[in-house]
Amino acid sequence: MADSVTTILAIAVMALTTVATRILGPVVMSHFTVTPVLERFLNALCSSVIVAIVATVVAQGGWREAAAVAVAAGVMIAARSAVWAMLAGAASAALWRVALG
């Protein structure tokens, strides 16, 4: 029972945090002048969060995850499409699992 309460509480905190950042983000940004430097910083921040998430998965995973990320990166460079890159990465991980277990 405690595990389910903890899970529900964690989901509620994450939901409230998401709503708060969606609401407060524009409010906070309305107090800043968006300069080219700030815009570059915010663009880099988005990319760095994605890289941190992917790096964590690769570091905790194994060769399958690393190969899937490499395939996704290759497709992203070749096709310039995040959707195709994600699909290729997921498909390569799935095929690896089917073929090699």
N, C-alpha and C. Protein backbone atom coordinates (compact mmCIF):
# COMPACT_ATOMS: atom_id res chain seq x y z
N MET A 1 0.82 -1.19 0.00
CA MET A 1 0.00 0.00 0.00
C MET A 1 0.86 1.26 0.00
N ALA A 2 1.96 1.22 0.75
CA ALA A 2 2.83 2.40 0.82
C ALA A 2 3.46 2.70 -0.52
N ASP A 3 3.78 1.65 -1.28
CA ASP A 3 4.38 1.87 -2.59
C ASP A 3 3.42 2.58 -3.53
N SER A 4 2.14 2.21 -3.48
CA SER A 4 1.18 2.86 -4.37
C SER A 4 0.94 4.30 -3.95
N VAL A 5 0.94 4.57 -2.66
CA VAL A 5 0.79 5.96 -2.19
C VAL A 5 1.99 6.79 -2.62
N THR A 6 3.18 6.24 -2.48
CA THR A 6 4.39 6.94 -2.90
C THR A 6 4.37 7.20 -4.40
N THR A 7 3.93 6.22 -5.16
CA THR A 7 3.86 6.38 -6.61
C THR A 7 2.87 7.47 -6.99
N ILE A 8 1.69 7.45 -6.39
CA ILE A 8 0.69 8.47 -6.68
C ILE A 8 1.19 9.85 -6.27
N LEU A 9 1.85 9.95 -5.13
CA LEU A 9 2.40 11.22 -4.68
C LEU A 9 3.48 11.72 -5.65
N ALA A 10 4.33 10.83 -6.10
CA ALA A 10 5.38 11.22 -7.05
C ALA A 10 4.77 11.72 -8.36
N ILE A 11 3.75 11.03 -8.85
CA ILE A 11 3.09 11.46 -10.09
C ILE A 11 2.42 12.81 -9.89
N ALA A 12 1.79 13.02 -8.75
CA ALA A 12 1.13 14.30 -8.47
C ALA A 12 2.14 15.44 -8.40
N VAL A 13 3.28 15.20 -7.76
CA VAL A 13 4.33 16.24 -7.67
C VAL A 13 4.87 16.55 -9.05
N MET A 14 5.09 15.53 -9.87
CA MET A 14 5.59 15.78 -11.23
C MET A 14 4.55 16.54 -12.06
N ALA A 15 3.28 16.20 -11.91
CA ALA A 15 2.23 16.90 -12.65
C ALA A 15 2.15 18.36 -12.23
N LEU A 16 2.20 18.61 -10.93
CA LEU A 16 2.16 19.99 -10.44
C LEU A 16 3.40 20.78 -10.89
N THR A 17 4.54 20.15 -10.89
CA THR A 17 5.76 20.81 -11.35
C THR A 17 5.65 21.16 -12.83
N THR A 18 5.12 20.24 -13.61
CA THR A 18 4.95 20.51 -15.04
C THR A 18 3.99 21.67 -15.27
N VAL A 19 2.87 21.66 -14.59
CA VAL A 19 1.90 22.76 -14.74
C VAL A 19 2.51 24.08 -14.29
N ALA A 20 3.23 24.06 -13.18
CA ALA A 20 3.85 25.29 -12.67
C ALA A 20 4.87 25.85 -13.65
N THR A 21 5.69 24.99 -14.24
CA THR A 21 6.68 25.50 -15.20
C THR A 21 6.01 26.00 -16.46
N ARG A 22 4.92 25.38 -16.88
CA ARG A 22 4.19 25.86 -18.06
C ARG A 22 3.57 27.23 -17.81
N ILE A 23 3.08 27.43 -16.61
CA ILE A 23 2.44 28.71 -16.28
C ILE A 23 3.48 29.78 -15.94
N LEU A 24 4.46 29.43 -15.12
CA LEU A 24 5.42 30.42 -14.64
C LEU A 24 6.50 30.75 -15.65
N GLY A 25 6.77 29.87 -16.61
CA GLY A 25 7.79 30.15 -17.61
C GLY A 25 7.55 31.45 -18.36
N PRO A 26 6.38 31.61 -18.98
CA PRO A 26 6.11 32.87 -19.67
C PRO A 26 6.06 34.08 -18.73
N VAL A 27 5.60 33.88 -17.51
CA VAL A 27 5.54 34.99 -16.55
C VAL A 27 6.95 35.47 -16.22
N VAL A 28 7.85 34.54 -15.96
CA VAL A 28 9.23 34.91 -15.64
C VAL A 28 9.91 35.53 -16.85
N MET A 29 9.70 34.94 -18.03
CA MET A 29 10.36 35.46 -19.24
C MET A 29 9.83 36.83 -19.64
N SER A 30 8.65 37.20 -19.19
CA SER A 30 8.12 38.53 -19.52
C SER A 30 8.91 39.63 -18.83
N HIS A 31 9.71 39.28 -17.83
CA HIS A 31 10.53 40.25 -17.11
C HIS A 31 11.92 40.41 -17.71
N PHE A 32 12.22 39.66 -18.76
CA PHE A 32 13.54 39.71 -19.39
C PHE A 32 13.41 40.20 -20.83
N THR A 33 14.42 40.92 -21.26
CA THR A 33 14.52 41.26 -22.68
C THR A 33 15.24 40.12 -23.37
N VAL A 34 14.61 39.59 -24.39
CA VAL A 34 15.21 38.45 -25.09
C VAL A 34 16.25 38.98 -26.07
N THR A 35 17.50 38.81 -25.69
CA THR A 35 18.63 39.21 -26.53
C THR A 35 19.11 38.00 -27.32
N PRO A 36 19.92 38.21 -28.32
CA PRO A 36 20.46 37.05 -29.06
C PRO A 36 21.25 36.09 -28.15
N VAL A 37 21.94 36.65 -27.17
CA VAL A 37 22.71 35.80 -26.25
C VAL A 37 21.77 34.93 -25.41
N LEU A 38 20.70 35.53 -24.89
CA LEU A 38 19.73 34.77 -24.09
C LEU A 38 19.03 33.72 -24.95
N GLU A 39 18.71 34.06 -26.18
CA GLU A 39 18.05 33.11 -27.07
C GLU A 39 18.97 31.92 -27.36
N ARG A 40 20.25 32.18 -27.60
CA ARG A 40 21.20 31.08 -27.83
C ARG A 40 21.33 30.21 -26.59
N PHE A 41 21.36 30.85 -25.42
CA PHE A 41 21.44 30.10 -24.16
C PHE A 41 20.24 29.19 -23.99
N LEU A 42 19.04 29.70 -24.23
CA LEU A 42 17.84 28.89 -24.07
C LEU A 42 17.79 27.75 -25.08
N ASN A 43 18.22 28.02 -26.31
CA ASN A 43 18.29 26.94 -27.30
C ASN A 43 19.29 25.86 -26.90
N ALA A 44 20.43 26.28 -26.40
CA ALA A 44 21.45 25.32 -25.95
C ALA A 44 20.97 24.55 -24.72
N LEU A 45 20.20 25.19 -23.87
CA LEU A 45 19.68 24.53 -22.67
C LEU A 45 18.78 23.37 -23.04
N CYS A 46 17.91 23.56 -24.02
CA CYS A 46 17.04 22.47 -24.48
C CYS A 46 17.86 21.29 -24.97
N SER A 47 18.85 21.58 -25.79
CA SER A 47 19.70 20.51 -26.33
C SER A 47 20.47 19.80 -25.23
N SER A 48 20.97 20.56 -24.26
CA SER A 48 21.76 19.94 -23.20
C SER A 48 20.91 19.03 -22.32
N VAL A 49 19.66 19.35 -22.13
CA VAL A 49 18.78 18.47 -21.35
C VAL A 49 18.57 17.15 -22.09
N ILE A 50 18.34 17.25 -23.40
CA ILE A 50 18.16 16.03 -24.19
C ILE A 50 19.43 15.18 -24.18
N VAL A 51 20.58 15.81 -24.33
CA VAL A 51 21.85 15.09 -24.30
C VAL A 51 22.06 14.42 -22.95
N ALA A 52 21.72 15.11 -21.88
CA ALA A 52 21.87 14.53 -20.53
C ALA A 52 20.99 13.30 -20.36
N ILE A 53 19.77 13.36 -20.86
CA ILE A 53 18.87 12.21 -20.75
C ILE A 53 19.41 11.03 -21.56
N VAL A 54 19.83 11.29 -22.79
CA VAL A 54 20.36 10.23 -23.64
C VAL A 54 21.64 9.65 -23.05
N ALA A 55 22.52 10.51 -22.56
CA ALA A 55 23.78 10.04 -21.97
C ALA A 55 23.53 9.16 -20.76
N THR A 56 22.53 9.49 -19.97
CA THR A 56 22.19 8.68 -18.80
C THR A 56 21.71 7.30 -19.23
N VAL A 57 20.87 7.25 -20.25
CA VAL A 57 20.38 5.96 -20.75
C VAL A 57 21.53 5.11 -21.27
N VAL A 58 22.43 5.73 -22.03
CA VAL A 58 23.57 5.00 -22.59
C VAL A 58 24.49 4.52 -21.47
N ALA A 59 24.75 5.38 -20.49
CA ALA A 59 25.65 5.01 -19.40
C ALA A 59 25.09 3.88 -18.56
N GLN A 60 23.78 3.86 -18.35
CA GLN A 60 23.17 2.81 -17.54
C GLN A 60 22.86 1.56 -18.35
N GLY A 61 22.78 1.72 -19.65
CA GLY A 61 22.44 0.59 -20.51
C GLY A 61 23.68 -0.16 -20.95
N GLY A 62 23.53 -0.77 -22.09
CA GLY A 62 24.64 -1.56 -22.61
C GLY A 62 24.89 -1.22 -24.06
N TRP A 63 25.40 -2.22 -24.78
CA TRP A 63 25.73 -2.02 -26.19
C TRP A 63 24.49 -1.77 -27.02
N ARG A 64 23.37 -2.39 -26.67
CA ARG A 64 22.14 -2.20 -27.43
C ARG A 64 21.71 -0.74 -27.42
N GLU A 65 21.73 -0.12 -26.25
CA GLU A 65 21.33 1.28 -26.14
C GLU A 65 22.30 2.20 -26.87
N ALA A 66 23.59 1.88 -26.73
CA ALA A 66 24.60 2.70 -27.42
C ALA A 66 24.44 2.58 -28.94
N ALA A 67 24.15 1.39 -29.44
CA ALA A 67 23.95 1.20 -30.87
C ALA A 67 22.70 1.93 -31.35
N ALA A 68 21.64 1.87 -30.55
CA ALA A 68 20.40 2.56 -30.93
C ALA A 68 20.62 4.07 -30.99
N VAL A 69 21.37 4.61 -30.06
CA VAL A 69 21.66 6.05 -30.08
C VAL A 69 22.53 6.39 -31.29
N ALA A 70 23.49 5.53 -31.61
CA ALA A 70 24.34 5.77 -32.77
C ALA A 70 23.53 5.74 -34.06
N VAL A 71 22.61 4.79 -34.17
CA VAL A 71 21.74 4.72 -35.35
C VAL A 71 20.87 5.97 -35.44
N ALA A 72 20.28 6.36 -34.31
CA ALA A 72 19.44 7.56 -34.29
C ALA A 72 20.24 8.80 -34.69
N ALA A 73 21.46 8.91 -34.19
CA ALA A 73 22.30 10.06 -34.54
C ALA A 73 22.63 10.06 -36.03
N GLY A 74 22.93 8.89 -36.57
CA GLY A 74 23.22 8.79 -37.99
C GLY A 74 22.03 9.18 -38.85
N VAL A 75 20.85 8.71 -38.48
CA VAL A 75 19.65 9.06 -39.23
C VAL A 75 19.35 10.55 -39.09
N MET A 76 19.57 11.09 -37.91
CA MET A 76 19.34 12.53 -37.70
C MET A 76 20.26 13.36 -38.58
N ILE A 77 21.51 12.96 -38.68
CA ILE A 77 22.46 13.69 -39.52
C ILE A 77 22.07 13.56 -41.00
N ALA A 78 21.69 12.34 -41.40
CA ALA A 78 21.38 12.10 -42.81
C ALA A 78 20.03 12.68 -43.23
N ALA A 79 19.01 12.47 -42.41
CA ALA A 79 17.65 12.85 -42.82
C ALA A 79 17.20 14.19 -42.26
N ARG A 80 17.90 14.69 -41.25
CA ARG A 80 17.51 15.94 -40.60
C ARG A 80 16.06 15.90 -40.10
N SER A 81 15.69 14.75 -39.55
CA SER A 81 14.33 14.56 -39.05
C SER A 81 14.40 13.86 -37.69
N ALA A 82 13.93 14.55 -36.66
CA ALA A 82 13.93 13.95 -35.33
C ALA A 82 12.99 12.75 -35.26
N VAL A 83 11.88 12.83 -35.96
CA VAL A 83 10.92 11.73 -35.94
C VAL A 83 11.54 10.47 -36.53
N TRP A 84 12.15 10.59 -37.70
CA TRP A 84 12.78 9.42 -38.32
C TRP A 84 13.95 8.90 -37.48
N ALA A 85 14.68 9.82 -36.84
CA ALA A 85 15.79 9.40 -35.99
C ALA A 85 15.29 8.59 -34.80
N MET A 86 14.23 9.06 -34.14
CA MET A 86 13.68 8.33 -33.00
C MET A 86 13.13 6.97 -33.43
N LEU A 87 12.43 6.96 -34.57
CA LEU A 87 11.91 5.68 -35.06
C LEU A 87 13.03 4.70 -35.40
N ALA A 88 14.08 5.19 -36.03
CA ALA A 88 15.21 4.32 -36.38
C ALA A 88 15.91 3.80 -35.13
N GLY A 89 16.10 4.67 -34.14
CA GLY A 89 16.74 4.23 -32.90
C GLY A 89 15.92 3.18 -32.17
N ALA A 90 14.61 3.41 -32.08
CA ALA A 90 13.73 2.45 -31.41
C ALA A 90 13.68 1.13 -32.18
N ALA A 91 13.61 1.24 -33.51
CA ALA A 91 13.57 0.01 -34.32
C ALA A 91 14.87 -0.78 -34.19
N SER A 92 16.01 -0.08 -34.17
CA SER A 92 17.28 -0.81 -34.05
C SER A 92 17.39 -1.51 -32.69
N ALA A 93 16.92 -0.86 -31.64
CA ALA A 93 16.94 -1.49 -30.32
C ALA A 93 16.01 -2.71 -30.29
N ALA A 94 14.84 -2.56 -30.91
CA ALA A 94 13.90 -3.67 -30.94
C ALA A 94 14.44 -4.85 -31.75
N LEU A 95 15.03 -4.54 -32.90
CA LEU A 95 15.61 -5.61 -33.73
C LEU A 95 16.76 -6.31 -33.01
N TRP A 96 17.58 -5.51 -32.33
CA TRP A 96 18.70 -6.09 -31.55
C TRP A 96 18.13 -7.09 -30.54
N ARG A 97 17.08 -6.67 -29.84
CA ARG A 97 16.50 -7.53 -28.79
C ARG A 97 15.94 -8.81 -29.38
N VAL A 98 15.26 -8.70 -30.54
CA VAL A 98 14.69 -9.88 -31.19
C VAL A 98 15.81 -10.80 -31.68
N ALA A 99 16.84 -10.22 -32.30
CA ALA A 99 17.89 -11.02 -32.89
C ALA A 99 18.86 -11.60 -31.86
N LEU A 100 19.22 -10.80 -30.87
CA LEU A 100 20.26 -11.22 -29.94
C LEU A 100 19.79 -11.44 -28.50
N GLY A 101 18.56 -11.12 -28.25
CA GLY A 101 18.02 -11.34 -26.90
C GLY A 101 18.25 -10.27 -25.91
